[in-house]
């Protein structure tokens, strides 16, 4: 991301053969993740330089946590704890509604829809069947730092809104409360 590189420099940095790098670059370029241009050298042939496209740069994580933590701190200071928590709860419900809008009707479709949306937002979600429901584990949760100091689970509220009418959500492990980046929830199919 910092600079444009040619296949030889990429091969050295990644400790992979140049021909393998060229094959990967060709595939990435066909999919629109990288683009190339030629850079004239003082001697010899021009070098084929590669750079990430806007589409490709979206695969690299952006660090919004500093902004988010500072924003929540200022909101708590200006609005008070109770109003800031109400605002955070509203954000959880709106995110849940966004997930719900993208989900089809069957429980397995719900889980695939939830997983896809969470991946899109930078989580590393995984789920497995569990006694008539699904155990959803979300790693790389971004909310604990933003929601630091709350005594309720942001993800549980978000997921409850996402699956309303189809499932119930039971918190098994909350990153917001335990102040880590992993949340585990049991989503049970309504009888």
Foldseek 3Di string as FASTA:
>chain_A
DPDWAALVVVCVVVVHDSVVSVVVVVVCVVVQQKDWDWADDPDDDTTIIIDGDPVNVLVDDDDCLVVLLVVLVVCCVVVNDVVSVVVLLVVLLVLLVVLQVQADDDQVSSVVSVCVSLVSVPWNWDWDDDDQWIKIKTAQASCLSNLAPDPDASNQSNNCSNQPPFWHKDWPDGCNNVVHGMTIIITHGDD
